[in-house]
Amino acid sequence: MTAGDIRMISLAEAQHLRHRFLRPDDPIEAVIYDGDDHPQSVHFGAFVQGQLIGVMSAFPRPFAPDPAPDDWQLRGLAIVPEFRRAGHATQLLRAGIAHVYSHNGLRAWSFVRLTIVPLLRSLGFQEVPGDVVVDPKTGPHHLMWLDLRS
């Protein structure tokens, strides 16, 4: 794993990288998420030698299959392609999980592309049984969650 620096960034920085690597053919509005501007929302950046190479956001949001007030969504994970598979996504996810836990969150959840499912499983996330949802632009996604009470 390449060592990187994880720190909080602005919403604008997160949206810029999201747009560039998650939905480059769509307008910027496609990466403005419901919850981005919540007062407790946090946006994390992964940096290598001062360069922002990855982002992820966390915000309070009920988990649809079983809503609870202490649910948090992790969303918008994006890594610059040449820095992928070096551990930065894991670092960002761990930072998000730690933030949720430190803010008394009891469950973290995410709606993820199937390519990320193994990574979330390795961090203890469970898949919600059911059909995979296919977004015509971004491909198949699966709903996953992590119980932070254990």
Protein backbone atom coordinates (compact mmCIF):
# COMPACT_ATOMS: atom_id res chain seq x y z
CA MET A 1 0.00 0.00 0.00
CA THR A 2 1.27 3.42 -0.93
CA ALA A 3 1.23 5.77 2.04
CA GLY A 4 -1.15 8.66 1.57
CA ASP A 5 -2.48 11.49 3.64
CA ILE A 6 -6.23 11.51 4.38
CA ARG A 7 -7.80 14.78 5.44
CA MET A 8 -11.04 16.71 5.21
CA ILE A 9 -11.60 18.73 2.06
CA SER A 10 -14.22 21.13 0.76
CA LEU A 11 -17.39 20.01 -0.94
CA ALA A 12 -16.23 21.73 -4.15
CA GLU A 13 -13.00 19.68 -4.17
CA ALA A 14 -14.94 16.46 -3.64
CA GLN A 15 -17.43 17.30 -6.39
CA HIS A 16 -14.65 18.18 -8.84
CA LEU A 17 -12.96 14.78 -8.49
CA ARG A 18 -16.30 12.94 -8.42
CA HIS A 19 -17.29 14.59 -11.67
CA ARG A 20 -13.94 13.94 -13.32
CA PHE A 21 -13.82 10.22 -12.48
CA LEU A 22 -17.35 9.02 -11.69
CA ARG A 23 -19.53 10.83 -14.23
CA PRO A 24 -17.32 12.76 -16.67
CA ASP A 25 -19.92 12.78 -19.46
CA ASP A 26 -22.67 14.23 -17.28
CA PRO A 27 -23.18 17.77 -16.03
CA ILE A 28 -21.66 18.61 -12.62
CA GLU A 29 -25.16 18.38 -11.12
CA ALA A 30 -24.92 14.58 -11.50
CA VAL A 31 -22.39 14.49 -8.66
CA ILE A 32 -24.18 16.86 -6.31
CA TYR A 33 -25.68 14.44 -3.81
CA ASP A 34 -28.64 14.84 -1.52
CA GLY A 35 -26.92 15.24 1.86
CA ASP A 36 -23.73 16.91 0.59
CA ASP A 37 -24.62 20.14 2.32
CA HIS A 38 -25.96 18.59 5.53
CA PRO A 39 -24.36 20.40 8.51
CA GLN A 40 -22.71 17.14 9.64
CA SER A 41 -21.51 16.08 6.19
CA VAL A 42 -17.80 15.53 5.78
CA HIS A 43 -15.74 15.13 2.64
CA PHE A 44 -12.41 13.32 2.76
CA GLY A 45 -9.52 13.60 0.36
CA ALA A 46 -6.59 11.26 -0.19
CA PHE A 47 -3.36 13.05 -1.03
CA VAL A 48 -0.07 11.79 -2.41
CA GLN A 49 2.78 14.31 -2.35
CA GLY A 50 0.23 17.10 -1.91
CA GLN A 51 -1.89 16.04 -4.89
CA LEU A 52 -5.57 15.22 -4.32
CA ILE A 53 -5.96 11.72 -5.78
CA GLY A 54 -9.14 10.41 -4.14
CA VAL A 55 -12.35 11.51 -2.44
CA MET A 56 -15.25 10.13 -0.43
CA SER A 57 -18.09 11.73 1.51
CA ALA A 58 -20.06 10.76 4.61
CA PHE A 59 -23.35 12.20 5.79
CA PRO A 60 -26.25 11.29 8.04
CA ARG A 61 -28.87 9.53 5.96
CA PRO A 62 -31.35 6.75 6.83
CA PHE A 63 -30.66 3.27 5.49
CA ALA A 64 -33.75 2.60 3.33
CA PRO A 65 -34.35 -1.08 4.17
CA ASP A 66 -34.32 -0.39 7.93
CA PRO A 67 -34.10 3.36 8.66
CA ALA A 68 -32.60 4.51 11.95
CA PRO A 69 -31.59 7.99 13.15
CA ASP A 70 -27.95 6.97 13.60
CA ASP A 71 -27.39 5.84 9.99
CA TRP A 72 -24.70 7.41 7.82
CA GLN A 73 -24.14 7.01 4.10
CA LEU A 74 -20.65 6.74 2.58
CA ARG A 75 -20.76 7.96 -1.00
CA GLY A 76 -18.82 9.35 -3.94
CA LEU A 77 -15.69 7.23 -3.63
CA ALA A 78 -13.43 8.19 -6.55
CA ILE A 79 -9.72 7.57 -7.09
CA VAL A 80 -7.55 8.96 -9.91
CA PRO A 81 -6.94 5.89 -12.15
CA GLU A 82 -3.15 5.80 -11.86
CA PHE A 83 -3.47 5.65 -8.05
CA ARG A 84 -6.04 2.84 -7.90
CA ARG A 85 -5.28 -0.49 -6.23
CA ALA A 86 -2.74 1.13 -3.91
CA GLY A 87 -4.89 1.21 -0.77
CA HIS A 88 -6.26 4.76 -1.03
CA ALA A 89 -9.90 3.65 -1.28
CA THR A 90 -9.41 1.54 1.84
CA GLN A 91 -7.90 4.51 3.67
CA LEU A 92 -10.81 6.76 2.64
CA LEU A 93 -13.39 4.19 3.69
CA ARG A 94 -11.68 3.66 7.05
CA ALA A 95 -11.62 7.44 7.61
CA GLY A 96 -15.34 7.60 6.84
CA ILE A 97 -16.13 4.67 9.12
CA ALA A 98 -14.07 6.22 11.94
CA HIS A 99 -15.86 9.54 11.47
CA VAL A 100 -19.28 7.89 11.59
CA TYR A 101 -18.32 5.96 14.72
CA SER A 102 -16.90 9.06 16.42
CA HIS A 103 -20.19 10.87 15.73
CA ASN A 104 -22.23 8.11 17.39
CA GLY A 105 -23.32 6.55 14.12
CA LEU A 106 -24.47 2.97 14.54
CA ARG A 107 -24.51 1.95 10.90
CA ALA A 108 -22.60 3.00 7.78
CA TRP A 109 -24.03 2.09 4.41
CA SER A 110 -23.27 2.57 0.75
CA PHE A 111 -24.73 1.83 -2.66
CA VAL A 112 -21.66 0.62 -4.54
CA ARG A 113 -20.55 -0.47 -7.96
CA LEU A 114 -20.03 -4.22 -8.06
CA THR A 115 -16.29 -3.74 -8.58
CA ILE A 116 -16.07 -2.31 -5.03
CA VAL A 117 -18.11 -5.04 -3.30
CA PRO A 118 -15.04 -7.17 -2.40
CA LEU A 119 -13.31 -4.16 -0.82
CA LEU A 120 -16.32 -3.36 1.35
CA ARG A 121 -16.66 -7.02 2.32
CA SER A 122 -13.02 -6.95 3.48
CA LEU A 123 -13.94 -4.06 5.80
CA GLY A 124 -16.87 -5.98 7.30
CA PHE A 125 -19.74 -4.64 5.18
CA GLN A 126 -22.60 -6.99 4.38
CA GLU A 127 -24.67 -7.08 1.23
CA VAL A 128 -28.39 -6.53 1.40
CA PRO A 129 -30.07 -9.55 -0.19
CA GLY A 130 -31.90 -8.72 -3.37
CA ASP A 131 -31.50 -7.73 -6.94
CA VAL A 132 -28.54 -5.78 -8.19
CA VAL A 133 -29.63 -2.41 -9.54
CA VAL A 134 -28.19 -1.46 -12.92
CA ASP A 135 -27.67 2.22 -13.67
CA PRO A 136 -27.47 2.60 -17.47
CA LYS A 137 -24.57 5.06 -17.15
CA THR A 138 -22.54 3.65 -14.25
CA GLY A 139 -23.38 -0.05 -14.31
CA PRO A 140 -24.52 -2.50 -11.63
CA HIS A 141 -24.68 -1.44 -7.97
CA HIS A 142 -25.34 -3.24 -4.71
CA LEU A 143 -26.53 -1.95 -1.33
CA MET A 144 -24.14 -2.74 1.57
CA TRP A 145 -24.05 -1.90 5.26
CA LEU A 146 -21.77 -2.10 8.30
CA ASP A 147 -23.02 -2.42 11.88
CA LEU A 148 -20.79 -0.27 14.09
CA ARG A 149 -22.21 -1.58 17.37
CA SER A 150 -19.99 -4.66 17.38
